[in-house]
N, C-alpha and C. Protein backbone atom coordinates (compact mmCIF):
# COMPACT_ATOMS: atom_id res chain seq x y z
N MET A 1 159.88 98.39 56.46
CA MET A 1 161.12 99.14 56.39
C MET A 1 160.84 100.59 56.77
N PRO A 2 161.42 101.06 57.83
CA PRO A 2 161.01 102.35 58.34
C PRO A 2 161.55 103.58 57.61
N PHE A 3 162.58 103.45 56.80
CA PHE A 3 163.16 104.64 56.19
C PHE A 3 162.99 104.64 54.68
N THR A 4 162.68 105.82 54.16
CA THR A 4 162.59 106.04 52.72
C THR A 4 163.51 107.20 52.40
N LEU A 5 164.47 106.96 51.52
CA LEU A 5 165.38 108.01 51.07
C LEU A 5 165.03 108.40 49.65
N ILE A 6 165.13 109.68 49.36
CA ILE A 6 164.85 110.17 48.01
C ILE A 6 166.00 111.07 47.58
N ARG A 7 166.60 110.73 46.46
CA ARG A 7 167.67 111.56 45.87
C ARG A 7 167.14 112.09 44.56
N LYS A 8 167.29 113.40 44.34
CA LYS A 8 166.72 114.05 43.17
C LYS A 8 167.81 114.42 42.17
N TYR A 9 167.46 114.25 40.90
CA TYR A 9 168.36 114.59 39.79
C TYR A 9 167.55 115.30 38.72
N GLN A 10 168.24 115.97 37.84
CA GLN A 10 167.58 116.63 36.71
C GLN A 10 168.41 116.43 35.46
N ILE A 11 167.71 116.10 34.37
CA ILE A 11 168.36 116.03 33.07
C ILE A 11 167.58 116.90 32.09
N GLU A 12 168.28 117.37 31.11
CA GLU A 12 167.67 118.09 29.99
C GLU A 12 167.80 117.16 28.80
N ALA A 13 166.70 116.86 28.14
CA ALA A 13 166.77 115.91 27.03
C ALA A 13 165.63 116.15 26.05
N ALA A 14 165.89 115.74 24.81
CA ALA A 14 164.88 115.81 23.76
C ALA A 14 164.36 114.40 23.47
N HIS A 15 163.14 114.35 22.97
CA HIS A 15 162.57 113.07 22.54
C HIS A 15 161.37 113.34 21.65
N ARG A 16 160.91 112.27 21.08
CA ARG A 16 159.64 112.28 20.36
C ARG A 16 159.01 110.92 20.60
N LEU A 17 157.70 110.88 20.53
CA LEU A 17 156.98 109.63 20.78
C LEU A 17 156.47 109.11 19.44
N PRO A 18 157.21 108.18 18.83
CA PRO A 18 156.98 107.81 17.44
C PRO A 18 155.69 107.05 17.17
N HIS A 19 155.08 106.47 18.17
CA HIS A 19 153.90 105.63 17.94
C HIS A 19 152.58 106.37 18.07
N LEU A 20 152.65 107.66 18.31
CA LEU A 20 151.42 108.45 18.44
C LEU A 20 150.86 108.78 17.06
N PRO A 21 149.59 109.13 16.98
CA PRO A 21 148.99 109.46 15.68
C PRO A 21 149.62 110.72 15.09
N ASP A 22 149.64 110.79 13.77
CA ASP A 22 150.10 112.00 13.10
C ASP A 22 149.30 113.18 13.63
N GLY A 23 149.99 114.28 13.83
CA GLY A 23 149.34 115.48 14.33
C GLY A 23 149.40 115.64 15.84
N HIS A 24 149.71 114.56 16.57
CA HIS A 24 149.83 114.68 18.03
C HIS A 24 151.10 115.46 18.34
N LYS A 25 151.00 116.44 19.23
CA LYS A 25 152.15 117.32 19.50
C LYS A 25 153.36 116.56 20.04
N CYS A 26 153.15 115.47 20.75
CA CYS A 26 154.28 114.73 21.31
C CYS A 26 154.97 113.82 20.31
N LYS A 27 154.39 113.69 19.12
CA LYS A 27 155.07 112.93 18.07
C LYS A 27 156.21 113.77 17.48
N ARG A 28 156.09 115.09 17.62
CA ARG A 28 157.14 115.98 17.12
C ARG A 28 158.30 116.04 18.12
N LEU A 29 159.46 116.36 17.62
CA LEU A 29 160.63 116.53 18.46
C LEU A 29 160.38 117.66 19.46
N HIS A 30 160.64 117.39 20.73
CA HIS A 30 160.50 118.39 21.78
C HIS A 30 161.38 117.98 22.95
N GLY A 31 161.51 118.85 23.92
CA GLY A 31 162.38 118.55 25.04
C GLY A 31 161.74 118.86 26.38
N HIS A 32 162.38 118.36 27.42
CA HIS A 32 161.91 118.56 28.79
C HIS A 32 163.10 118.73 29.72
N SER A 33 162.84 119.36 30.84
CA SER A 33 163.72 119.30 32.00
C SER A 33 163.13 118.19 32.87
N PHE A 34 163.64 116.99 32.70
CA PHE A 34 163.12 115.85 33.44
C PHE A 34 163.64 115.90 34.88
N HIS A 35 162.74 115.82 35.84
CA HIS A 35 163.11 115.71 37.24
C HIS A 35 162.95 114.24 37.62
N ILE A 36 164.01 113.68 38.15
CA ILE A 36 164.06 112.25 38.46
C ILE A 36 164.30 112.09 39.95
N GLU A 37 163.50 111.24 40.57
CA GLU A 37 163.69 110.92 41.98
C GLU A 37 163.97 109.42 42.10
N VAL A 38 165.07 109.11 42.74
CA VAL A 38 165.44 107.73 43.02
C VAL A 38 165.08 107.47 44.48
N VAL A 39 164.21 106.50 44.70
CA VAL A 39 163.67 106.22 46.03
C VAL A 39 164.21 104.87 46.52
N VAL A 40 164.82 104.90 47.70
CA VAL A 40 165.37 103.69 48.31
C VAL A 40 164.69 103.51 49.67
N ARG A 41 164.33 102.28 49.98
CA ARG A 41 163.72 101.97 51.27
C ARG A 41 164.56 100.90 51.98
N GLY A 42 164.67 101.04 53.28
CA GLY A 42 165.40 100.03 54.03
C GLY A 42 165.61 100.42 55.47
N GLU A 43 166.32 99.58 56.15
CA GLU A 43 166.69 99.80 57.55
C GLU A 43 168.00 100.59 57.60
N ALA A 44 168.13 101.44 58.59
CA ALA A 44 169.38 102.15 58.79
C ALA A 44 170.43 101.20 59.35
N ASP A 45 171.62 101.29 58.82
CA ASP A 45 172.74 100.52 59.35
C ASP A 45 172.96 100.96 60.81
N PRO A 46 173.03 100.01 61.75
CA PRO A 46 173.14 100.40 63.16
C PRO A 46 174.40 101.21 63.48
N LYS A 47 175.48 100.95 62.78
CA LYS A 47 176.72 101.67 63.05
C LYS A 47 176.77 103.00 62.31
N LEU A 48 176.45 102.99 61.01
CA LEU A 48 176.56 104.21 60.20
C LEU A 48 175.38 105.14 60.38
N GLY A 49 174.22 104.58 60.69
CA GLY A 49 173.04 105.39 60.92
C GLY A 49 172.29 105.79 59.66
N TRP A 50 172.65 105.21 58.52
CA TRP A 50 171.93 105.53 57.29
C TRP A 50 171.61 104.27 56.51
N VAL A 51 170.67 104.41 55.58
CA VAL A 51 170.27 103.29 54.73
C VAL A 51 171.30 103.11 53.62
N VAL A 52 171.64 104.21 52.98
CA VAL A 52 172.64 104.21 51.91
C VAL A 52 173.26 105.61 51.87
N ASP A 53 174.50 105.67 51.53
CA ASP A 53 175.21 106.94 51.39
C ASP A 53 174.70 107.65 50.13
N TYR A 54 174.25 108.89 50.27
CA TYR A 54 173.79 109.65 49.10
C TYR A 54 174.91 109.77 48.06
N GLY A 55 176.15 109.83 48.53
CA GLY A 55 177.28 109.88 47.60
C GLY A 55 177.38 108.64 46.74
N VAL A 56 177.07 107.49 47.32
CA VAL A 56 177.06 106.24 46.54
C VAL A 56 175.94 106.29 45.52
N MET A 57 174.79 106.81 45.92
CA MET A 57 173.68 106.95 44.96
C MET A 57 174.11 107.84 43.79
N ASP A 58 174.82 108.93 44.11
CA ASP A 58 175.30 109.82 43.05
C ASP A 58 176.28 109.11 42.12
N GLU A 59 177.18 108.33 42.69
CA GLU A 59 178.15 107.58 41.87
C GLU A 59 177.44 106.60 40.94
N LEU A 60 176.40 105.96 41.43
CA LEU A 60 175.66 105.00 40.62
C LEU A 60 174.83 105.69 39.55
N PHE A 61 174.31 106.88 39.85
CA PHE A 61 173.48 107.59 38.88
C PHE A 61 174.31 108.31 37.82
N GLN A 62 175.54 108.69 38.14
CA GLN A 62 176.34 109.50 37.21
C GLN A 62 176.47 108.90 35.81
N PRO A 63 176.74 107.60 35.66
CA PRO A 63 176.81 107.05 34.29
C PRO A 63 175.49 107.19 33.53
N LEU A 64 174.36 107.10 34.24
CA LEU A 64 173.07 107.29 33.59
C LEU A 64 172.89 108.75 33.20
N PHE A 65 173.26 109.65 34.08
CA PHE A 65 173.20 111.07 33.78
C PHE A 65 173.99 111.37 32.51
N ASP A 66 175.19 110.81 32.43
CA ASP A 66 176.04 111.05 31.26
C ASP A 66 175.41 110.53 29.98
N ARG A 67 174.66 109.45 30.08
CA ARG A 67 174.00 108.88 28.89
C ARG A 67 172.72 109.60 28.51
N LEU A 68 172.08 110.29 29.48
CA LEU A 68 170.76 110.89 29.25
C LEU A 68 170.78 112.40 29.06
N ASP A 69 171.65 113.09 29.77
CA ASP A 69 171.59 114.55 29.79
C ASP A 69 172.02 115.16 28.46
N HIS A 70 171.22 116.10 27.98
CA HIS A 70 171.45 116.78 26.70
C HIS A 70 171.61 115.78 25.55
N ARG A 71 170.72 114.80 25.55
CA ARG A 71 170.71 113.75 24.52
C ARG A 71 169.33 113.67 23.88
N PHE A 72 169.30 112.99 22.75
CA PHE A 72 168.04 112.64 22.09
C PHE A 72 167.71 111.24 22.58
N LEU A 73 166.75 111.13 23.47
CA LEU A 73 166.49 109.87 24.17
C LEU A 73 166.16 108.72 23.23
N ASN A 74 165.52 108.99 22.11
CA ASN A 74 165.14 107.93 21.18
C ASN A 74 166.34 107.15 20.65
N GLU A 75 167.53 107.73 20.72
CA GLU A 75 168.74 107.08 20.20
C GLU A 75 169.40 106.16 21.22
N ILE A 76 168.90 106.12 22.44
CA ILE A 76 169.48 105.29 23.48
C ILE A 76 168.82 103.91 23.44
N PRO A 77 169.62 102.84 23.33
CA PRO A 77 169.03 101.50 23.30
C PRO A 77 168.11 101.26 24.50
N GLY A 78 166.90 100.81 24.20
CA GLY A 78 165.89 100.58 25.23
C GLY A 78 164.95 101.76 25.43
N LEU A 79 165.27 102.89 24.81
CA LEU A 79 164.42 104.08 24.95
C LEU A 79 163.93 104.56 23.59
N GLU A 80 163.68 103.65 22.70
CA GLU A 80 163.22 104.03 21.37
C GLU A 80 161.83 104.68 21.41
N ASN A 81 161.06 104.39 22.45
CA ASN A 81 159.75 105.02 22.66
C ASN A 81 159.79 105.65 24.06
N PRO A 82 160.48 106.79 24.20
CA PRO A 82 160.83 107.30 25.53
C PRO A 82 159.73 108.10 26.24
N THR A 83 158.64 107.43 26.56
CA THR A 83 157.63 108.04 27.42
C THR A 83 158.23 108.16 28.83
N SER A 84 157.60 108.92 29.68
CA SER A 84 158.06 108.99 31.07
C SER A 84 158.03 107.61 31.72
N GLU A 85 157.02 106.84 31.38
CA GLU A 85 156.91 105.49 31.94
C GLU A 85 158.09 104.62 31.53
N MET A 86 158.45 104.67 30.25
CA MET A 86 159.55 103.84 29.77
C MET A 86 160.90 104.35 30.30
N LEU A 87 161.03 105.65 30.48
CA LEU A 87 162.25 106.20 31.07
C LEU A 87 162.40 105.75 32.52
N ALA A 88 161.32 105.78 33.28
CA ALA A 88 161.37 105.32 34.67
C ALA A 88 161.74 103.85 34.75
N LEU A 89 161.14 103.04 33.90
CA LEU A 89 161.46 101.60 33.86
C LEU A 89 162.92 101.38 33.49
N TRP A 90 163.40 102.10 32.48
CA TRP A 90 164.79 101.97 32.01
C TRP A 90 165.77 102.33 33.13
N ILE A 91 165.52 103.44 33.82
CA ILE A 91 166.41 103.85 34.92
C ILE A 91 166.39 102.80 36.03
N HIS A 92 165.22 102.29 36.37
CA HIS A 92 165.13 101.27 37.41
C HIS A 92 165.94 100.04 37.02
N ARG A 93 165.79 99.59 35.80
CA ARG A 93 166.54 98.40 35.34
C ARG A 93 168.05 98.63 35.39
N GLU A 94 168.47 99.84 35.09
CA GLU A 94 169.90 100.15 35.11
C GLU A 94 170.45 100.21 36.53
N LEU A 95 169.68 100.74 37.47
CA LEU A 95 170.17 100.93 38.84
C LEU A 95 169.97 99.72 39.75
N ALA A 96 168.91 98.97 39.54
CA ALA A 96 168.52 97.92 40.49
C ALA A 96 169.63 96.92 40.83
N PRO A 97 170.43 96.46 39.86
CA PRO A 97 171.45 95.47 40.22
C PRO A 97 172.50 95.98 41.22
N SER A 98 172.72 97.28 41.26
CA SER A 98 173.78 97.80 42.12
C SER A 98 173.28 98.67 43.28
N LEU A 99 171.96 98.83 43.39
CA LEU A 99 171.41 99.69 44.45
C LEU A 99 170.37 98.92 45.26
N PRO A 100 170.83 98.22 46.31
CA PRO A 100 169.88 97.48 47.15
C PRO A 100 168.83 98.41 47.75
N GLY A 101 167.61 97.93 47.82
CA GLY A 101 166.54 98.71 48.40
C GLY A 101 165.87 99.67 47.44
N LEU A 102 166.30 99.67 46.17
CA LEU A 102 165.67 100.56 45.20
C LEU A 102 164.19 100.22 45.12
N ALA A 103 163.35 101.20 45.45
CA ALA A 103 161.91 100.96 45.55
C ALA A 103 161.12 101.61 44.44
N GLU A 104 161.52 102.80 44.03
CA GLU A 104 160.76 103.55 43.03
C GLU A 104 161.68 104.44 42.22
N ILE A 105 161.22 104.72 41.02
CA ILE A 105 161.77 105.80 40.21
C ILE A 105 160.59 106.71 39.89
N ARG A 106 160.76 107.98 40.17
CA ARG A 106 159.72 108.97 39.88
C ARG A 106 160.26 109.92 38.81
N ILE A 107 159.43 110.17 37.81
CA ILE A 107 159.81 111.05 36.71
C ILE A 107 158.76 112.15 36.58
N SER A 108 159.22 113.38 36.52
CA SER A 108 158.34 114.51 36.20
C SER A 108 158.90 115.16 34.94
N GLU A 109 158.07 115.23 33.91
CA GLU A 109 158.54 115.89 32.69
C GLU A 109 158.06 117.33 32.60
N THR A 110 157.03 117.65 33.37
CA THR A 110 156.58 119.04 33.53
C THR A 110 156.15 119.18 34.99
N CYS A 111 155.77 120.38 35.38
CA CYS A 111 155.31 120.57 36.77
C CYS A 111 153.92 119.97 36.99
N GLN A 112 153.27 119.53 35.91
CA GLN A 112 151.92 118.98 36.03
C GLN A 112 151.82 117.50 35.68
N GLU A 113 152.89 116.92 35.18
CA GLU A 113 152.84 115.53 34.69
C GLU A 113 154.00 114.73 35.25
N SER A 114 153.66 113.61 35.87
CA SER A 114 154.71 112.75 36.42
C SER A 114 154.22 111.31 36.47
N CYS A 115 155.17 110.42 36.67
CA CYS A 115 154.82 109.01 36.83
C CYS A 115 155.75 108.39 37.86
N ILE A 116 155.31 107.28 38.41
CA ILE A 116 156.09 106.53 39.39
C ILE A 116 156.15 105.09 38.94
N TYR A 117 157.37 104.54 38.88
CA TYR A 117 157.54 103.11 38.64
C TYR A 117 157.96 102.48 39.96
N SER A 118 157.13 101.58 40.47
CA SER A 118 157.44 100.89 41.73
C SER A 118 157.07 99.42 41.57
N PRO A 119 158.05 98.62 41.17
CA PRO A 119 157.76 97.19 40.93
C PRO A 119 157.36 96.45 42.19
């Protein structure tokens, strides 16, 4: 598949990682400006000239944004242990049924730490 599209989003959210040992800083409540990249791969439509309309990607992501932004992630079903890895997996599961060609979800919780989920 010759084309890779990347649409970027940002959410502000709080979380804690409940399964870490006592005293670990990430077990305490804290927040991040999560940078999220939704990656789609595919062939360009011969008539339209694109793989997918970025506006459609935005429409599909908006309900997730509304559920995640300025929220306590641990309270969202499926994100009780909201590591970056689990957040990427959760977003992929939510988007995959309606976004053909979804290839990866990339999450950066800081400028130095990120993960990629690519099934």
